[in-house]
Amino acid sequence: MISKQVLLKTVYFYIIPYMVLLMAMLGFMYLYPKPELHLLLNSHHSSIQDTFFKYYSVLAEWPLYVLALLPLLWKKTKITIFFAMCEVTGGAILQILKHIISTDRPVSVFEHYNNLALPLVQGVDMHCSNSFPSGHASTFFMFCTCCTIILAYHHCRKSKSHSLRVHMLFNIALLLLLVLAAMGAYSRVYLSQHFLSDVCVGSIIGFTTPFLMFYLCRDKILKLKSEETK
């Protein structure tokens, strides 16, 4: 059996960079007022970036959910169940916060600032309410963190036979997953759908929920995985 401590040590290349990134973002939020920070983060637009972030952000609306169903093709039902458990739990937490803490989106806030122009991307339907926290940021981090845990579990099972090159590729894969999640979260700021505080809290929900669910359901997950490999 793989202990929780061993698995956590295996994903340090995902956890530590995330913590550093989160601390940096919290530092920016402390130094700058919310509107000024929002303009600072998305004031440099280009047609290429507009197109990229416009469509990249859509991944959190349904494509990632479809990807979470793919393990069913290989009869790995537990992996899909794990994704579903995390998304339902994190989604419930997020929706409760959205309705308890009802805040305006950037497009509504900037209506009160006549001297500040909000950069917008053509073709994006802008939302006005329930800004905090960001559901898209949560979904991006939820998916990537679930992938991280699953990869780490399989990596731990055969870690003694892995070469240094395999360990390096594994750590690179973890960093890549974090970059993909961070880009998804940033896309919400770039598109002016959320403030940085919204995506930070959304990322925390998406980051912590899979680890919590793995901690609570670890024995069942490992037991079922071992049965599938027989």
C-alpha atoms as a PDB file:
ATOM      1  CA  MET A   1       0.000   0.000   0.000  1.00  0.00           C
ATOM      2  CA  ILE A   2       1.238   3.463  -0.891  1.00  0.00           C
ATOM      3  CA  SER A   3       1.072   5.824   2.081  1.00  0.00           C
ATOM      4  CA  LYS A   4      -0.298   9.329   1.851  1.00  0.00           C
ATOM      5  CA  GLN A   5       3.078  10.723   2.870  1.00  0.00           C
ATOM      6  CA  VAL A   6       4.853   8.940   0.011  1.00  0.00           C
ATOM      7  CA  LEU A   7       2.347  10.209  -2.537  1.00  0.00           C
ATOM      8  CA  LEU A   8       2.596  13.790  -1.259  1.00  0.00           C
ATOM      9  CA  LYS A   9       6.389  13.681  -1.526  1.00  0.00           C
ATOM     10  CA  THR A  10       6.024  12.444  -5.101  1.00  0.00           C
ATOM     11  CA  VAL A  11       3.979  15.491  -6.138  1.00  0.00           C
ATOM     12  CA  TYR A  12       6.231  18.156  -4.585  1.00  0.00           C
ATOM     13  CA  PHE A  13       6.922  19.484  -8.100  1.00  0.00           C
ATOM     14  CA  TYR A  14       3.224  20.285  -8.337  1.00  0.00           C
ATOM     15  CA  ILE A  15       2.504  21.423  -4.785  1.00  0.00           C
ATOM     16  CA  ILE A  16       5.486  23.689  -4.107  1.00  0.00           C
ATOM     17  CA  PRO A  17       5.319  25.697  -7.377  1.00  0.00           C
ATOM     18  CA  TYR A  18       1.587  26.170  -6.834  1.00  0.00           C
ATOM     19  CA  MET A  19       2.177  27.481  -3.330  1.00  0.00           C
ATOM     20  CA  VAL A  20       4.857  29.875  -4.593  1.00  0.00           C
ATOM     21  CA  LEU A  21       2.554  31.102  -7.364  1.00  0.00           C
ATOM     22  CA  LEU A  22      -0.357  31.534  -4.958  1.00  0.00           C
ATOM     23  CA  MET A  23       1.779  33.493  -2.482  1.00  0.00           C
ATOM     24  CA  ALA A  24       2.955  35.764  -5.287  1.00  0.00           C
ATOM     25  CA  MET A  25      -0.637  36.445  -6.366  1.00  0.00           C
ATOM     26  CA  LEU A  26      -1.674  37.170  -2.777  1.00  0.00           C
ATOM     27  CA  GLY A  27       1.222  39.606  -2.580  1.00  0.00           C
ATOM     28  CA  PHE A  28      -0.024  41.431  -5.674  1.00  0.00           C
ATOM     29  CA  MET A  29      -3.532  41.609  -4.193  1.00  0.00           C
ATOM     30  CA  TYR A  30      -2.083  43.166  -1.046  1.00  0.00           C
ATOM     31  CA  LEU A  31      -0.080  45.769  -2.962  1.00  0.00           C
ATOM     32  CA  TYR A  32      -2.643  46.880  -5.551  1.00  0.00           C
ATOM     33  CA  PRO A  33      -6.317  47.871  -5.405  1.00  0.00           C
ATOM     34  CA  LYS A  34      -8.552  45.366  -7.206  1.00  0.00           C
ATOM     35  CA  PRO A  35      -9.355  47.490 -10.325  1.00  0.00           C
ATOM     36  CA  GLU A  36      -5.756  48.599 -10.837  1.00  0.00           C
ATOM     37  CA  LEU A  37      -4.460  45.053 -10.438  1.00  0.00           C
ATOM     38  CA  HIS A  38      -7.001  43.768 -12.939  1.00  0.00           C
ATOM     39  CA  LEU A  39      -5.840  46.288 -15.550  1.00  0.00           C
ATOM     40  CA  LEU A  40      -2.211  45.496 -14.775  1.00  0.00           C
ATOM     41  CA  LEU A  41      -2.777  41.796 -15.438  1.00  0.00           C
ATOM     42  CA  ASN A  42      -4.725  42.101 -18.689  1.00  0.00           C
ATOM     43  CA  SER A  43      -3.776  45.434 -20.221  1.00  0.00           C
ATOM     44  CA  HIS A  44      -1.631  43.853 -22.967  1.00  0.00           C
ATOM     45  CA  HIS A  45      -3.951  42.298 -25.539  1.00  0.00           C
ATOM     46  CA  SER A  46      -3.259  40.954 -29.007  1.00  0.00           C
ATOM     47  CA  SER A  47      -5.421  39.198 -31.586  1.00  0.00           C
ATOM     48  CA  ILE A  48      -3.526  35.921 -31.051  1.00  0.00           C
ATOM     49  CA  GLN A  49      -3.932  36.038 -27.279  1.00  0.00           C
ATOM     50  CA  ASP A  50      -7.584  37.042 -27.605  1.00  0.00           C
ATOM     51  CA  THR A  51      -8.337  34.012 -29.764  1.00  0.00           C
ATOM     52  CA  PHE A  52      -6.262  31.628 -27.646  1.00  0.00           C
ATOM     53  CA  PHE A  53      -7.698  32.550 -24.248  1.00  0.00           C
ATOM     54  CA  LYS A  54     -11.228  32.858 -25.633  1.00  0.00           C
ATOM     55  CA  TYR A  55     -11.224  29.201 -26.692  1.00  0.00           C
ATOM     56  CA  TYR A  56      -8.880  27.869 -24.012  1.00  0.00           C
ATOM     57  CA  SER A  57     -11.251  29.090 -21.318  1.00  0.00           C
ATOM     58  CA  VAL A  58     -14.079  27.058 -22.895  1.00  0.00           C
ATOM     59  CA  LEU A  59     -12.223  23.840 -22.002  1.00  0.00           C
ATOM     60  CA  ALA A  60     -13.581  24.138 -18.460  1.00  0.00           C
ATOM     61  CA  GLU A  61     -17.190  24.247 -19.670  1.00  0.00           C
ATOM     62  CA  TRP A  62     -17.391  20.712 -21.135  1.00  0.00           C
ATOM     63  CA  PRO A  63     -14.222  19.345 -22.853  1.00  0.00           C
ATOM     64  CA  LEU A  64     -12.484  18.553 -19.548  1.00  0.00           C
ATOM     65  CA  TYR A  65     -15.560  16.649 -18.397  1.00  0.00           C
ATOM     66  CA  VAL A  66     -15.450  14.589 -21.589  1.00  0.00           C
ATOM     67  CA  LEU A  67     -11.766  13.827 -20.992  1.00  0.00           C
ATOM     68  CA  ALA A  68     -12.641  12.632 -17.487  1.00  0.00           C
ATOM     69  CA  LEU A  69     -14.924  10.022 -19.086  1.00  0.00           C
ATOM     70  CA  LEU A  70     -12.186   8.557 -21.298  1.00  0.00           C
ATOM     71  CA  PRO A  71     -10.910   6.084 -18.645  1.00  0.00           C
ATOM     72  CA  LEU A  72     -14.244   4.284 -19.059  1.00  0.00           C
ATOM     73  CA  LEU A  73     -13.042   3.143 -22.493  1.00  0.00           C
ATOM     74  CA  TRP A  74     -10.307   1.147 -20.732  1.00  0.00           C
ATOM     75  CA  LYS A  75     -12.683  -0.024 -17.968  1.00  0.00           C
ATOM     76  CA  LYS A  76     -10.957   2.209 -15.430  1.00  0.00           C
ATOM     77  CA  THR A  77     -14.232   3.274 -13.874  1.00  0.00           C
ATOM     78  CA  LYS A  78     -12.647   4.245 -10.564  1.00  0.00           C
ATOM     79  CA  ILE A  79     -10.652   7.032 -12.196  1.00  0.00           C
ATOM     80  CA  THR A  80     -13.800   8.591 -13.659  1.00  0.00           C
ATOM     81  CA  ILE A  81     -15.574   8.151 -10.316  1.00  0.00           C
ATOM     82  CA  PHE A  82     -12.681   9.937  -8.627  1.00  0.00           C
ATOM     83  CA  PHE A  83     -12.962  12.845 -11.080  1.00  0.00           C
ATOM     84  CA  ALA A  84     -16.728  12.981 -10.529  1.00  0.00           C
ATOM     85  CA  MET A  85     -16.439  12.915  -6.725  1.00  0.00           C
ATOM     86  CA  CYS A  86     -13.955  15.764  -6.768  1.00  0.00           C
ATOM     87  CA  GLU A  87     -15.954  17.893  -9.196  1.00  0.00           C
ATOM     88  CA  VAL A  88     -19.256  17.397  -7.352  1.00  0.00           C
ATOM     89  CA  THR A  89     -17.686  18.185  -3.972  1.00  0.00           C
ATOM     90  CA  GLY A  90     -15.712  21.171  -5.234  1.00  0.00           C
ATOM     91  CA  GLY A  91     -18.660  22.395  -7.285  1.00  0.00           C
ATOM     92  CA  ALA A  92     -20.943  22.302  -4.261  1.00  0.00           C
ATOM     93  CA  ILE A  93     -18.455  24.315  -2.180  1.00  0.00           C
ATOM     94  CA  LEU A  94     -18.030  26.802  -5.007  1.00  0.00           C
ATOM     95  CA  GLN A  95     -21.758  27.323  -5.581  1.00  0.00           C
ATOM     96  CA  ILE A  96     -22.385  27.845  -1.860  1.00  0.00           C
ATOM     97  CA  LEU A  97     -19.685  30.535  -1.776  1.00  0.00           C
ATOM     98  CA  LYS A  98     -20.986  32.138  -4.979  1.00  0.00           C
ATOM     99  CA  HIS A  99     -24.445  32.616  -3.504  1.00  0.00           C
ATOM    100  CA  ILE A 100     -23.320  33.570   0.001  1.00  0.00           C
ATOM    101  CA  ILE A 101     -20.686  36.037  -1.241  1.00  0.00           C
ATOM    102  CA  SER A 102     -22.431  37.641  -4.197  1.00  0.00           C
ATOM    103  CA  THR A 103     -19.968  40.034  -5.841  1.00  0.00           C
ATOM    104  CA  ASP A 104     -19.978  41.920  -9.133  1.00  0.00           C
ATOM    105  CA  ARG A 105     -17.903  40.890 -12.106  1.00  0.00           C
ATOM    106  CA  PRO A 106     -15.288  43.263 -13.583  1.00  0.00           C
ATOM    107  CA  VAL A 107     -17.639  44.542 -16.290  1.00  0.00           C
ATOM    108  CA  SER A 108     -20.065  45.741 -13.604  1.00  0.00           C
ATOM    109  CA  VAL A 109     -17.396  47.166 -11.312  1.00  0.00           C
ATOM    110  CA  PHE A 110     -15.708  49.161 -14.076  1.00  0.00           C
ATOM    111  CA  GLU A 111     -18.976  50.881 -14.958  1.00  0.00           C
ATOM    112  CA  HIS A 112     -18.284  53.107 -11.933  1.00  0.00           C
ATOM    113  CA  TYR A 113     -14.821  54.134 -13.216  1.00  0.00           C
ATOM    114  CA  ASN A 114     -15.208  56.611 -16.065  1.00  0.00           C
ATOM    115  CA  ASN A 115     -11.451  57.115 -16.359  1.00  0.00           C
ATOM    116  CA  LEU A 116     -10.590  53.404 -16.632  1.00  0.00           C
ATOM    117  CA  ALA A 117     -11.290  51.415 -19.805  1.00  0.00           C
ATOM    118  CA  LEU A 118     -11.835  47.687 -19.394  1.00  0.00           C
ATOM    119  CA  PRO A 119     -10.149  45.588 -22.118  1.00  0.00           C
ATOM    120  CA  LEU A 120     -12.718  43.206 -23.606  1.00  0.00           C
ATOM    121  CA  VAL A 121     -12.421  40.377 -26.121  1.00  0.00           C
ATOM    122  CA  GLN A 122     -14.834  40.437 -29.028  1.00  0.00           C
ATOM    123  CA  GLY A 123     -17.308  37.561 -29.108  1.00  0.00           C
ATOM    124  CA  VAL A 124     -17.165  36.765 -25.393  1.00  0.00           C
ATOM    125  CA  ASP A 125     -20.478  36.946 -23.529  1.00  0.00           C
ATOM    126  CA  MET A 126     -19.783  38.977 -20.411  1.00  0.00           C
ATOM    127  CA  HIS A 127     -21.305  38.075 -17.048  1.00  0.00           C
ATOM    128  CA  CYS A 128     -22.198  40.671 -14.437  1.00  0.00           C
ATOM    129  CA  SER A 129     -22.728  38.860 -11.119  1.00  0.00           C
ATOM    130  CA  ASN A 130     -21.595  35.916  -8.942  1.00  0.00           C
ATOM    131  CA  SER A 131     -17.940  36.650  -9.569  1.00  0.00           C
ATOM    132  CA  PHE A 132     -16.459  35.070  -6.429  1.00  0.00           C
ATOM    133  CA  PRO A 133     -15.037  32.462  -6.692  1.00  0.00           C
ATOM    134  CA  SER A 134     -14.253  31.424 -10.268  1.00  0.00           C
ATOM    135  CA  GLY A 135     -15.837  28.154 -11.361  1.00  0.00           C
ATOM    136  CA  HIS A 136     -13.622  27.875 -14.447  1.00  0.00           C
ATOM    137  CA  ALA A 137     -10.445  28.271 -12.380  1.00  0.00           C
ATOM    138  CA  SER A 138     -11.716  25.628  -9.975  1.00  0.00           C
ATOM    139  CA  THR A 139     -12.464  23.191 -12.816  1.00  0.00           C
ATOM    140  CA  PHE A 140      -9.055  23.679 -14.440  1.00  0.00           C
ATOM    141  CA  PHE A 141      -7.231  23.044 -11.173  1.00  0.00           C
ATOM    142  CA  MET A 142      -9.593  20.219 -10.222  1.00  0.00           C
ATOM    143  CA  PHE A 143      -8.880  18.348 -13.447  1.00  0.00           C
ATOM    144  CA  CYS A 144      -5.112  18.913 -13.402  1.00  0.00           C
ATOM    145  CA  THR A 145      -4.789  18.039  -9.710  1.00  0.00           C
ATOM    146  CA  CYS A 146      -6.773  14.821 -10.232  1.00  0.00           C
ATOM    147  CA  CYS A 147      -4.435  13.949 -13.119  1.00  0.00           C
ATOM    148  CA  THR A 148      -1.462  14.711 -10.871  1.00  0.00           C
ATOM    149  CA  ILE A 149      -2.672  12.376  -8.124  1.00  0.00           C
ATOM    150  CA  ILE A 150      -3.434   9.554 -10.577  1.00  0.00           C
ATOM    151  CA  LEU A 151      -0.060   9.920 -12.289  1.00  0.00           C
ATOM    152  CA  ALA A 152       1.704  10.021  -8.916  1.00  0.00           C
ATOM    153  CA  TYR A 153      -0.080   6.884  -7.753  1.00  0.00           C
ATOM    154  CA  HIS A 154       1.036   4.920 -10.811  1.00  0.00           C
ATOM    155  CA  HIS A 155       4.523   6.400 -10.578  1.00  0.00           C
ATOM    156  CA  CYS A 156       4.845   5.382  -6.920  1.00  0.00           C
ATOM    157  CA  ARG A 157       3.833   1.800  -7.642  1.00  0.00           C
ATOM    158  CA  LYS A 158       6.854   1.288  -9.886  1.00  0.00           C
ATOM    159  CA  SER A 159       9.219   3.946  -8.556  1.00  0.00           C
ATOM    160  CA  LYS A 160      11.986   1.432  -7.722  1.00  0.00           C
ATOM    161  CA  SER A 161      12.258   0.360 -11.352  1.00  0.00           C
ATOM    162  CA  HIS A 162      12.178   3.869 -12.793  1.00  0.00           C
ATOM    163  CA  SER A 163      15.334   5.433 -14.204  1.00  0.00           C
ATOM    164  CA  LEU A 164      16.432   9.001 -13.509  1.00  0.00           C
ATOM    165  CA  ARG A 165      15.079   9.999 -16.932  1.00  0.00           C
ATOM    166  CA  VAL A 166      11.625   8.652 -16.066  1.00  0.00           C
ATOM    167  CA  HIS A 167      11.629  10.571 -12.766  1.00  0.00           C
ATOM    168  CA  MET A 168      12.585  13.759 -14.622  1.00  0.00           C
ATOM    169  CA  LEU A 169       9.850  13.267 -17.215  1.00  0.00           C
ATOM    170  CA  PHE A 170       7.339  12.660 -14.425  1.00  0.00           C
ATOM    171  CA  ASN A 171       8.291  15.915 -12.678  1.00  0.00           C
ATOM    172  CA  ILE A 172       8.123  17.801 -15.989  1.00  0.00           C
ATOM    173  CA  ALA A 173       4.633  16.377 -16.517  1.00  0.00           C
ATOM    174  CA  LEU A 174       3.578  17.699 -13.100  1.00  0.00           C
ATOM    175  CA  LEU A 175       4.907  21.165 -13.910  1.00  0.00           C
ATOM    176  CA  LEU A 176       3.125  21.073 -17.266  1.00  0.00           C
ATOM    177  CA  LEU A 177      -0.183  20.203 -15.572  1.00  0.00           C
ATOM    178  CA  LEU A 178       0.281  23.153 -13.223  1.00  0.00           C
ATOM    179  CA  VAL A 179       1.012  25.482 -16.153  1.00  0.00           C
ATOM    180  CA  LEU A 180      -2.127  24.285 -17.975  1.00  0.00           C
ATOM    181  CA  ALA A 181      -4.235  24.889 -14.861  1.00  0.00           C
ATOM    182  CA  ALA A 182      -2.686  28.319 -14.231  1.00  0.00           C
ATOM    183  CA  MET A 183      -3.298  29.378 -17.852  1.00  0.00           C
ATOM    184  CA  GLY A 184      -6.922  28.345 -17.517  1.00  0.00           C
ATOM    185  CA  ALA A 185      -7.293  30.423 -14.370  1.00  0.00           C
ATOM    186  CA  TYR A 186      -5.529  33.410 -15.950  1.00  0.00           C
ATOM    187  CA  SER A 187      -7.790  33.198 -19.005  1.00  0.00           C
ATOM    188  CA  ARG A 188     -10.675  34.298 -16.783  1.00  0.00           C
ATOM    189  CA  VAL A 189      -8.779  37.445 -15.800  1.00  0.00           C
ATOM    190  CA  TYR A 190      -7.648  38.078 -19.378  1.00  0.00           C
ATOM    191  CA  LEU A 191     -11.248  37.856 -20.589  1.00  0.00           C
ATOM    192  CA  SER A 192     -12.351  40.169 -17.733  1.00  0.00           C
ATOM    193  CA  GLN A 193     -14.794  37.571 -16.440  1.00  0.00           C
ATOM    194  CA  HIS A 194     -13.156  37.499 -12.998  1.00  0.00           C
ATOM    195  CA  PHE A 195     -10.791  39.384 -10.739  1.00  0.00           C
ATOM    196  CA  LEU A 196      -7.560  37.808  -9.521  1.00  0.00           C
ATOM    197  CA  SER A 197      -9.073  37.152  -6.081  1.00  0.00           C
ATOM    198  CA  ASP A 198     -11.859  35.146  -7.726  1.00  0.00           C
ATOM    199  CA  VAL A 199      -9.499  32.847  -9.612  1.00  0.00           C
ATOM    200  CA  CYS A 200      -7.162  32.439  -6.626  1.00  0.00           C
ATOM    201  CA  VAL A 201      -9.943  31.135  -4.401  1.00  0.00           C
ATOM    202  CA  GLY A 202     -11.284  29.030  -7.274  1.00  0.00           C
ATOM    203  CA  SER A 203      -7.822  27.515  -7.721  1.00  0.00           C
ATOM    204  CA  ILE A 204      -7.595  26.743  -3.992  1.00  0.00           C
ATOM    205  CA  ILE A 205     -10.891  24.839  -4.163  1.00  0.00           C
ATOM    206  CA  GLY A 206      -9.770  22.962  -7.268  1.00  0.00           C
ATOM    207  CA  PHE A 207      -6.338  22.256  -5.798  1.00  0.00           C
ATOM    208  CA  THR A 208      -7.356  21.056  -2.337  1.00  0.00           C
ATOM    209  CA  THR A 209     -10.515  19.058  -3.109  1.00  0.00           C
ATOM    210  CA  PRO A 210      -8.795  16.174  -4.988  1.00  0.00           C
ATOM    211  CA  PHE A 211      -6.223  15.761  -2.208  1.00  0.00           C
ATOM    212  CA  LEU A 212      -9.010  15.782   0.389  1.00  0.00           C
ATOM    213  CA  MET A 213     -11.069  13.227  -1.541  1.00  0.00           C
ATOM    214  CA  PHE A 214      -8.009  11.028  -2.044  1.00  0.00           C
ATOM    215  CA  TYR A 215      -7.260  11.240   1.679  1.00  0.00           C
ATOM    216  CA  LEU A 216     -10.813  10.237   2.614  1.00  0.00           C
ATOM    217  CA  CYS A 217     -11.293   7.570  -0.067  1.00  0.00           C
ATOM    218  CA  ARG A 218      -7.726   6.315  -0.473  1.00  0.00           C
ATOM    219  CA  ASP A 219      -8.286   2.726   0.630  1.00  0.00           C
ATOM    220  CA  LYS A 220     -11.287   2.235  -1.665  1.00  0.00           C
ATOM    221  CA  ILE A 221      -9.478   3.793  -4.616  1.00  0.00           C
ATOM    222  CA  LEU A 222      -6.368   1.650  -4.191  1.00  0.00           C
ATOM    223  CA  LYS A 223      -8.379  -1.480  -3.518  1.00  0.00           C
ATOM    224  CA  LEU A 224     -10.436  -1.083  -6.650  1.00  0.00           C
ATOM    225  CA  LYS A 225      -7.380  -0.228  -8.749  1.00  0.00           C
ATOM    226  CA  SER A 226      -5.655  -3.405  -7.605  1.00  0.00           C
ATOM    227  CA  GLU A 227      -8.755  -5.402  -8.571  1.00  0.00           C
ATOM    228  CA  GLU A 228      -8.777  -3.865 -12.034  1.00  0.00           C
ATOM    229  CA  THR A 229      -5.174  -4.903 -12.677  1.00  0.00           C
ATOM    230  CA  LYS A 230      -5.804  -8.571 -11.893  1.00  0.00           C
END
